[in-house]
Structures are given as structure tokens and as C-alpha cells.
PDB file of N, CA and C in Angstrom:
ATOM      1  N   UNK A   1     -64.056  36.156  22.202  1.00  0.00           N
ATOM      2  CA  UNK A   1     -63.432  35.368  23.239  1.00  0.00           C
ATOM      3  C   UNK A   1     -62.885  34.089  22.607  1.00  0.00           C
ATOM      4  N   UNK A   2     -61.696  33.686  23.001  1.00  0.00           N
ATOM      5  CA  UNK A   2     -61.093  32.480  22.446  1.00  0.00           C
ATOM      6  C   UNK A   2     -61.377  31.275  23.327  1.00  0.00           C
ATOM      7  N   UNK A   3     -61.335  30.114  22.714  1.00  0.00           N
ATOM      8  CA  UNK A   3     -61.562  28.869  23.439  1.00  0.00           C
ATOM      9  C   UNK A   3     -60.233  28.362  23.978  1.00  0.00           C
ATOM     10  N   UNK A   4     -59.994  28.530  25.257  1.00  0.00           N
ATOM     11  CA  UNK A   4     -58.724  28.135  25.873  1.00  0.00           C
ATOM     12  C   UNK A   4     -58.616  26.633  26.076  1.00  0.00           C
ATOM     13  N   UNK A   5     -59.718  25.918  25.987  1.00  0.00           N
ATOM     14  CA  UNK A   5     -59.672  24.468  26.160  1.00  0.00           C
ATOM     15  C   UNK A   5     -58.974  23.804  24.979  1.00  0.00           C
ATOM     16  N   UNK A   6     -58.972  24.438  23.825  1.00  0.00           N
ATOM     17  CA  UNK A   6     -58.323  23.900  22.633  1.00  0.00           C
ATOM     18  C   UNK A   6     -57.451  24.987  22.011  1.00  0.00           C
ATOM     19  N   UNK A   7     -56.246  25.198  22.556  1.00  0.00           N
ATOM     20  CA  UNK A   7     -55.416  26.309  22.101  1.00  0.00           C
ATOM     21  C   UNK A   7     -54.811  26.118  20.718  1.00  0.00           C
ATOM     22  N   UNK A   8     -54.951  24.956  20.112  1.00  0.00           N
ATOM     23  CA  UNK A   8     -54.383  24.714  18.799  1.00  0.00           C
ATOM     24  C   UNK A   8     -53.794  23.324  18.752  1.00  0.00           C
ATOM     25  N   UNK A   9     -53.126  23.015  17.655  1.00  0.00           N
ATOM     26  CA  UNK A   9     -52.577  21.665  17.523  1.00  0.00           C
ATOM     27  C   UNK A   9     -51.528  21.384  18.599  1.00  0.00           C
ATOM     28  N   UNK A  10     -51.538  20.169  19.078  1.00  0.00           N
ATOM     29  CA  UNK A  10     -50.550  19.762  20.068  1.00  0.00           C
ATOM     30  C   UNK A  10     -49.493  18.913  19.383  1.00  0.00           C
ATOM     31  N   UNK A  11     -48.349  18.865  19.976  1.00  0.00           N
ATOM     32  CA  UNK A  11     -47.263  18.047  19.461  1.00  0.00           C
ATOM     33  C   UNK A  11     -46.971  16.963  20.486  1.00  0.00           C
ATOM     34  N   UNK A  12     -46.845  15.722  20.035  1.00  0.00           N
ATOM     35  CA  UNK A  12     -46.539  14.661  20.987  1.00  0.00           C
ATOM     36  C   UNK A  12     -45.197  14.919  21.664  1.00  0.00           C
ATOM     37  N   UNK A  13     -45.101  14.527  22.915  1.00  0.00           N
ATOM     38  CA  UNK A  13     -43.860  14.728  23.658  1.00  0.00           C
ATOM     39  C   UNK A  13     -42.794  13.716  23.245  1.00  0.00           C
ATOM     40  N   UNK A  14     -43.214  12.585  22.686  1.00  0.00           N
ATOM     41  CA  UNK A  14     -42.287  11.546  22.262  1.00  0.00           C
ATOM     42  C   UNK A  14     -42.263  11.469  20.742  1.00  0.00           C
ATOM     43  N   UNK A  15     -41.062  11.445  20.165  1.00  0.00           N
ATOM     44  CA  UNK A  15     -40.874  11.223  18.736  1.00  0.00           C
ATOM     45  C   UNK A  15     -39.890  10.074  18.576  1.00  0.00           C
ATOM     46  N   UNK A  16     -40.262   9.112  17.741  1.00  0.00           N
ATOM     47  CA  UNK A  16     -39.386   7.977  17.440  1.00  0.00           C
ATOM     48  C   UNK A  16     -38.971   8.127  15.983  1.00  0.00           C
ATOM     49  N   UNK A  17     -37.671   8.324  15.764  1.00  0.00           N
ATOM     50  CA  UNK A  17     -37.134   8.603  14.434  1.00  0.00           C
ATOM     51  C   UNK A  17     -36.931   7.310  13.639  1.00  0.00           C
ATOM     52  N   UNK A  18     -36.628   7.420  12.322  1.00  0.00           N
ATOM     53  CA  UNK A  18     -36.515   6.230  11.470  1.00  0.00           C
ATOM     54  C   UNK A  18     -35.428   5.251  11.933  1.00  0.00           C
ATOM     55  N   UNK A  19     -35.564   4.021  11.463  1.00  0.00           N
ATOM     56  CA  UNK A  19     -34.612   2.958  11.785  1.00  0.00           C
ATOM     57  C   UNK A  19     -33.229   3.311  11.237  1.00  0.00           C
ATOM     58  N   UNK A  20     -32.223   3.089  12.073  1.00  0.00           N
ATOM     59  CA  UNK A  20     -30.828   3.322  11.715  1.00  0.00           C
ATOM     60  C   UNK A  20     -30.114   1.972  11.632  1.00  0.00           C
ATOM     61  N   UNK A  21     -29.110   1.871  10.746  1.00  0.00           N
ATOM     62  CA  UNK A  21     -28.385   0.600  10.653  1.00  0.00           C
ATOM     63  C   UNK A  21     -27.574   0.347  11.914  1.00  0.00           C
ATOM     64  N   UNK A  22     -27.497  -0.866  12.302  1.00  0.00           N
ATOM     65  CA  UNK A  22     -26.730  -1.245  13.479  1.00  0.00           C
ATOM     66  C   UNK A  22     -26.954  -2.720  13.750  1.00  0.00           C
ATOM     67  N   UNK A  23     -26.303  -3.208  14.757  1.00  0.00           N
ATOM     68  CA  UNK A  23     -26.474  -4.601  15.143  1.00  0.00           C
ATOM     69  C   UNK A  23     -26.829  -4.649  16.619  1.00  0.00           C
ATOM     70  N   UNK A  24     -28.098  -4.580  16.964  1.00  0.00           N
ATOM     71  CA  UNK A  24     -29.279  -4.601  16.098  1.00  0.00           C
ATOM     72  C   UNK A  24     -29.624  -3.207  15.575  1.00  0.00           C
ATOM     73  N   UNK A  25     -30.473  -3.156  14.530  1.00  0.00           N
ATOM     74  CA  UNK A  25     -30.950  -1.848  14.065  1.00  0.00           C
ATOM     75  C   UNK A  25     -31.659  -1.130  15.225  1.00  0.00           C
ATOM     76  N   UNK A  26     -31.649   0.180  15.185  1.00  0.00           N
ATOM     77  CA  UNK A  26     -32.235   0.948  16.285  1.00  0.00           C
ATOM     78  C   UNK A  26     -32.926   2.183  15.746  1.00  0.00           C
ATOM     79  N   UNK A  27     -33.691   2.823  16.622  1.00  0.00           N
ATOM     80  CA  UNK A  27     -34.320   4.101  16.323  1.00  0.00           C
ATOM     81  C   UNK A  27     -33.951   5.058  17.443  1.00  0.00           C
ATOM     82  N   UNK A  28     -33.837   6.324  17.111  1.00  0.00           N
ATOM     83  CA  UNK A  28     -33.557   7.361  18.109  1.00  0.00           C
ATOM     84  C   UNK A  28     -34.883   7.840  18.686  1.00  0.00           C
ATOM     85  N   UNK A  29     -34.935   7.981  19.998  1.00  0.00           N
ATOM     86  CA  UNK A  29     -36.120   8.489  20.666  1.00  0.00           C
ATOM     87  C   UNK A  29     -35.824   9.877  21.189  1.00  0.00           C
ATOM     88  N   UNK A  30     -36.736  10.794  20.914  1.00  0.00           N
ATOM     89  CA  UNK A  30     -36.659  12.147  21.448  1.00  0.00           C
ATOM     90  C   UNK A  30     -37.827  12.371  22.404  1.00  0.00           C
ATOM     91  N   UNK A  31     -37.545  13.021  23.496  1.00  0.00           N
ATOM     92  CA  UNK A  31     -38.577  13.410  24.457  1.00  0.00           C
ATOM     93  C   UNK A  31     -38.521  14.922  24.598  1.00  0.00           C
ATOM     94  N   UNK A  32     -39.634  15.570  24.340  1.00  0.00           N
ATOM     95  CA  UNK A  32     -39.709  17.034  24.398  1.00  0.00           C
ATOM     96  C   UNK A  32     -38.624  17.686  23.550  1.00  0.00           C
ATOM     97  N   UNK A  33     -38.333  17.080  22.384  1.00  0.00           N
ATOM     98  CA  UNK A  33     -37.375  17.639  21.447  1.00  0.00           C
ATOM     99  C   UNK A  33     -35.921  17.348  21.748  1.00  0.00           C
ATOM    100  N   UNK A  34     -35.651  16.636  22.816  1.00  0.00           N
ATOM    101  CA  UNK A  34     -34.277  16.300  23.192  1.00  0.00           C
ATOM    102  C   UNK A  34     -34.025  14.812  22.967  1.00  0.00           C
ATOM    103  N   UNK A  35     -32.854  14.482  22.401  1.00  0.00           N
ATOM    104  CA  UNK A  35     -32.518  13.092  22.190  1.00  0.00           C
ATOM    105  C   UNK A  35     -32.361  12.385  23.534  1.00  0.00           C
ATOM    106  N   UNK A  36     -33.078  11.280  23.697  1.00  0.00           N
ATOM    107  CA  UNK A  36     -33.007  10.497  24.926  1.00  0.00           C
ATOM    108  C   UNK A  36     -32.072   9.314  24.740  1.00  0.00           C
ATOM    109  N   UNK A  37     -32.158   8.659  23.580  1.00  0.00           N
ATOM    110  CA  UNK A  37     -31.281   7.526  23.333  1.00  0.00           C
ATOM    111  C   UNK A  37     -31.798   6.625  22.241  1.00  0.00           C
ATOM    112  N   UNK A  38     -31.143   5.484  22.115  1.00  0.00           N
ATOM    113  CA  UNK A  38     -31.497   4.482  21.115  1.00  0.00           C
ATOM    114  C   UNK A  38     -32.523   3.520  21.697  1.00  0.00           C
ATOM    115  N   UNK A  39     -33.480   3.130  20.859  1.00  0.00           N
ATOM    116  CA  UNK A  39     -34.463   2.125  21.252  1.00  0.00           C
ATOM    117  C   UNK A  39     -34.512   1.058  20.162  1.00  0.00           C
ATOM    118  N   UNK A  40     -34.752  -0.175  20.582  1.00  0.00           N
ATOM    119  CA  UNK A  40     -34.788  -1.283  19.630  1.00  0.00           C
ATOM    120  C   UNK A  40     -36.102  -2.050  19.665  1.00  0.00           C
ATOM    121  N   UNK A  41     -37.061  -1.567  20.452  1.00  0.00           N
ATOM    122  CA  UNK A  41     -38.350  -2.249  20.553  1.00  0.00           C
ATOM    123  C   UNK A  41     -39.393  -1.309  21.143  1.00  0.00           C
ATOM    124  N   UNK A  42     -40.647  -1.745  21.060  1.00  0.00           N
ATOM    125  CA  UNK A  42     -41.730  -0.968  21.671  1.00  0.00           C
ATOM    126  C   UNK A  42     -41.525  -0.854  23.177  1.00  0.00           C
ATOM    127  N   UNK A  43     -41.029  -1.921  23.789  1.00  0.00           N
ATOM    128  CA  UNK A  43     -40.781  -1.900  25.229  1.00  0.00           C
ATOM    129  C   UNK A  43     -39.742  -0.853  25.574  1.00  0.00           C
ATOM    130  N   UNK A  44     -38.688  -0.748  24.760  1.00  0.00           N
ATOM    131  CA  UNK A  44     -37.669   0.282  24.980  1.00  0.00           C
ATOM    132  C   UNK A  44     -38.275   1.678  24.926  1.00  0.00           C
ATOM    133  N   UNK A  45     -39.226   1.887  24.009  1.00  0.00           N
ATOM    134  CA  UNK A  45     -39.882   3.189  23.888  1.00  0.00           C
ATOM    135  C   UNK A  45     -40.597   3.528  25.196  1.00  0.00           C
ATOM    136  N   UNK A  46     -41.326   2.568  25.725  1.00  0.00           N
ATOM    137  CA  UNK A  46     -42.057   2.797  26.975  1.00  0.00           C
ATOM    138  C   UNK A  46     -41.116   3.084  28.135  1.00  0.00           C
ATOM    139  N   UNK A  47     -40.026   2.308  28.246  1.00  0.00           N
ATOM    140  CA  UNK A  47     -39.062   2.524  29.328  1.00  0.00           C
ATOM    141  C   UNK A  47     -38.347   3.865  29.194  1.00  0.00           C
ATOM    142  N   UNK A  48     -37.942   4.220  27.971  1.00  0.00           N
ATOM    143  CA  UNK A  48     -37.238   5.490  27.759  1.00  0.00           C
ATOM    144  C   UNK A  48     -38.154   6.674  28.062  1.00  0.00           C
ATOM    145  N   UNK A  49     -39.406   6.562  27.644  1.00  0.00           N
ATOM    146  CA  UNK A  49     -40.366   7.629  27.935  1.00  0.00           C
ATOM    147  C   UNK A  49     -40.568   7.761  29.441  1.00  0.00           C
ATOM    148  N   UNK A  50     -40.712   6.632  30.114  1.00  0.00           N
ATOM    149  CA  UNK A  50     -40.898   6.657  31.562  1.00  0.00           C
ATOM    150  C   UNK A  50     -39.691   7.275  32.253  1.00  0.00           C
ATOM    151  N   UNK A  51     -38.481   6.946  31.786  1.00  0.00           N
ATOM    152  CA  UNK A  51     -37.266   7.515  32.370  1.00  0.00           C
ATOM    153  C   UNK A  51     -37.223   9.032  32.185  1.00  0.00           C
ATOM    154  N   UNK A  52     -37.860   9.517  31.107  1.00  0.00           N
ATOM    155  CA  UNK A  52     -37.926  10.957  30.848  1.00  0.00           C
ATOM    156  C   UNK A  52     -39.105  11.603  31.568  1.00  0.00           C
ATOM    157  N   UNK A  53     -39.843  10.805  32.351  1.00  0.00           N
ATOM    158  CA  UNK A  53     -40.970  11.350  33.104  1.00  0.00           C
ATOM    159  C   UNK A  53     -42.262  11.437  32.327  1.00  0.00           C
ATOM    160  N   UNK A  54     -42.360  10.673  31.243  1.00  0.00           N
ATOM    161  CA  UNK A  54     -43.542  10.711  30.384  1.00  0.00           C
ATOM    162  C   UNK A  54     -44.189   9.328  30.382  1.00  0.00           C
ATOM    163  N   UNK A  55     -45.468   9.275  30.714  1.00  0.00           N
ATOM    164  CA  UNK A  55     -46.196   8.012  30.686  1.00  0.00           C
ATOM    165  C   UNK A  55     -46.964   7.907  29.380  1.00  0.00           C
ATOM    166  N   UNK A  56     -46.798   6.775  28.708  1.00  0.00           N
ATOM    167  CA  UNK A  56     -47.519   6.517  27.464  1.00  0.00           C
ATOM    168  C   UNK A  56     -48.516   5.398  27.731  1.00  0.00           C
ATOM    169  N   UNK A  57     -49.784   5.667  27.438  1.00  0.00           N
ATOM    170  CA  UNK A  57     -50.822   4.658  27.627  1.00  0.00           C
ATOM    171  C   UNK A  57     -51.139   3.920  26.336  1.00  0.00           C
ATOM    172  N   UNK A  58     -50.862   4.548  25.194  1.00  0.00           N
ATOM    173  CA  UNK A  58     -51.218   3.954  23.908  1.00  0.00           C
ATOM    174  C   UNK A  58     -50.181   4.363  22.864  1.00  0.00           C
ATOM    175  N   UNK A  59     -49.378   3.411  22.407  1.00  0.00           N
ATOM    176  CA  UNK A  59     -48.345   3.711  21.406  1.00  0.00           C
ATOM    177  C   UNK A  59     -48.929   4.095  20.054  1.00  0.00           C
ATOM    178  N   UNK A  60     -50.214   3.838  19.835  1.00  0.00           N
ATOM    179  CA  UNK A  60     -50.875   4.206  18.585  1.00  0.00           C
ATOM    180  C   UNK A  60     -51.528   5.583  18.643  1.00  0.00           C
ATOM    181  N   UNK A  61     -51.468   6.242  19.791  1.00  0.00           N
ATOM    182  CA  UNK A  61     -52.092   7.560  19.950  1.00  0.00           C
ATOM    183  C   UNK A  61     -51.168   8.631  19.379  1.00  0.00           C
ATOM    184  N   UNK A  62     -51.562   9.277  18.273  1.00  0.00           N
ATOM    185  CA  UNK A  62     -50.698  10.295  17.664  1.00  0.00           C
ATOM    186  C   UNK A  62     -50.490  11.525  18.540  1.00  0.00           C
ATOM    187  N   UNK A  63     -51.327  11.705  19.554  1.00  0.00           N
ATOM    188  CA  UNK A  63     -51.115  12.801  20.497  1.00  0.00           C
ATOM    189  C   UNK A  63     -50.046  12.453  21.527  1.00  0.00           C
ATOM    190  N   UNK A  64     -49.699  11.163  21.630  1.00  0.00           N
ATOM    191  CA  UNK A  64     -48.701  10.718  22.600  1.00  0.00           C
ATOM    192  C   UNK A  64     -47.348  10.444  21.952  1.00  0.00           C
ATOM    193  N   UNK A  65     -47.369   9.801  20.777  1.00  0.00           N
ATOM    194  CA  UNK A  65     -46.122   9.384  20.120  1.00  0.00           C
ATOM    195  C   UNK A  65     -46.192   9.713  18.641  1.00  0.00           C
ATOM    196  N   UNK A  66     -45.126  10.297  18.138  1.00  0.00           N
ATOM    197  CA  UNK A  66     -44.990  10.538  16.694  1.00  0.00           C
ATOM    198  C   UNK A  66     -43.971   9.536  16.164  1.00  0.00           C
ATOM    199  N   UNK A  67     -44.399   8.689  15.252  1.00  0.00           N
ATOM    200  CA  UNK A  67     -43.524   7.697  14.626  1.00  0.00           C
ATOM    201  C   UNK A  67     -43.083   8.237  13.272  1.00  0.00           C
ATOM    202  N   UNK A  68     -41.783   8.340  13.035  1.00  0.00           N
ATOM    203  CA  UNK A  68     -41.235   8.857  11.781  1.00  0.00           C
ATOM    204  C   UNK A  68     -40.562   7.694  11.056  1.00  0.00           C
ATOM    205  N   UNK A  69     -40.926   7.496   9.795  1.00  0.00           N
ATOM    206  CA  UNK A  69     -40.282   6.441   9.019  1.00  0.00           C
ATOM    207  C   UNK A  69     -40.771   5.043   9.353  1.00  0.00           C
ATOM    208  N   UNK A  70     -41.989   4.936   9.797  1.00  0.00           N
ATOM    209  CA  UNK A  70     -42.574   3.644  10.132  1.00  0.00           C
ATOM    210  C   UNK A  70     -43.385   3.755  11.401  1.00  0.00           C
ATOM    211  N   UNK A  71     -44.032   2.657  11.763  1.00  0.00           N
ATOM    212  CA  UNK A  71     -44.864   2.669  12.961  1.00  0.00           C
ATOM    213  C   UNK A  71     -44.207   1.868  14.075  1.00  0.00           C
ATOM    214  N   UNK A  72     -44.992   1.521  15.077  1.00  0.00           N
ATOM    215  CA  UNK A  72     -44.449   0.827  16.239  1.00  0.00           C
ATOM    216  C   UNK A  72     -43.929  -0.572  15.914  1.00  0.00           C
ATOM    217  N   UNK A  73     -44.288  -1.094  14.747  1.00  0.00           N
ATOM    218  CA  UNK A  73     -43.835  -2.427  14.344  1.00  0.00           C
ATOM    219  C   UNK A  73     -42.617  -2.377  13.416  1.00  0.00           C
ATOM    220  N   UNK A  74     -42.121  -1.191  13.100  1.00  0.00           N
ATOM    221  CA  UNK A  74     -41.003  -1.032  12.173  1.00  0.00           C
ATOM    222  C   UNK A  74     -39.702  -0.947  12.942  1.00  0.00           C
ATOM    223  N   UNK A  75     -38.912  -2.033  12.903  1.00  0.00           N
ATOM    224  CA  UNK A  75     -37.642  -2.079  13.640  1.00  0.00           C
ATOM    225  C   UNK A  75     -36.487  -2.549  12.769  1.00  0.00           C
ATOM    226  N   UNK A  76     -36.712  -2.708  11.466  1.00  0.00           N
ATOM    227  CA  UNK A  76     -35.635  -3.035  10.535  1.00  0.00           C
ATOM    228  C   UNK A  76     -35.748  -2.110   9.334  1.00  0.00           C
ATOM    229  N   UNK A  77     -34.623  -1.877   8.677  1.00  0.00           N
ATOM    230  CA  UNK A  77     -34.650  -1.031   7.475  1.00  0.00           C
ATOM    231  C   UNK A  77     -35.230  -1.826   6.318  1.00  0.00           C
ATOM    232  N   UNK A  78     -35.925  -1.115   5.442  1.00  0.00           N
ATOM    233  CA  UNK A  78     -36.537  -1.774   4.278  1.00  0.00           C
ATOM    234  C   UNK A  78     -35.801  -1.392   3.030  1.00  0.00           C
TER     235      UNK A  78
END
């Protein structure tokens, strides 16, 4: 019998991609694998996720948000 309570690894519904050049620099946010738009701050991430119907309680929770190319504090290119 298999354990249905833990079907395997989960993927966060929100992915924040690496910083892109711009004025101001921005990151692309994906929700459920679809591009939602550009974000320039942690607040933008929360608003964009909410607009996509996803509530985020903790930006540091890897089950909620996948940060690519930096973390929630990375908003400029290095």
C-alpha cells in the first residue's frame, strides 16, 4: 500500500526567475508554470501571486516560492 499523504516531491506554484537588466532591474514571476509578469520587489511578488490566486505566507518557504538566481533580497544584477 502506498502512502497517499506524501505522493512525492512537490513543486512550488511560484517561481521567481533571475534579475534582468532594466530601469529598474526586474525579475520574471511565474505562477503554475505560466509567466505572470515583471516584479521589482518582494511586495510585487506577493501582489502578483495574490492576483494569480495564490497566497504566500512565507517568502522563505521553498514549498511556496522557488527563487532562481538569488533570494528574496536579490533585486540587482551582480
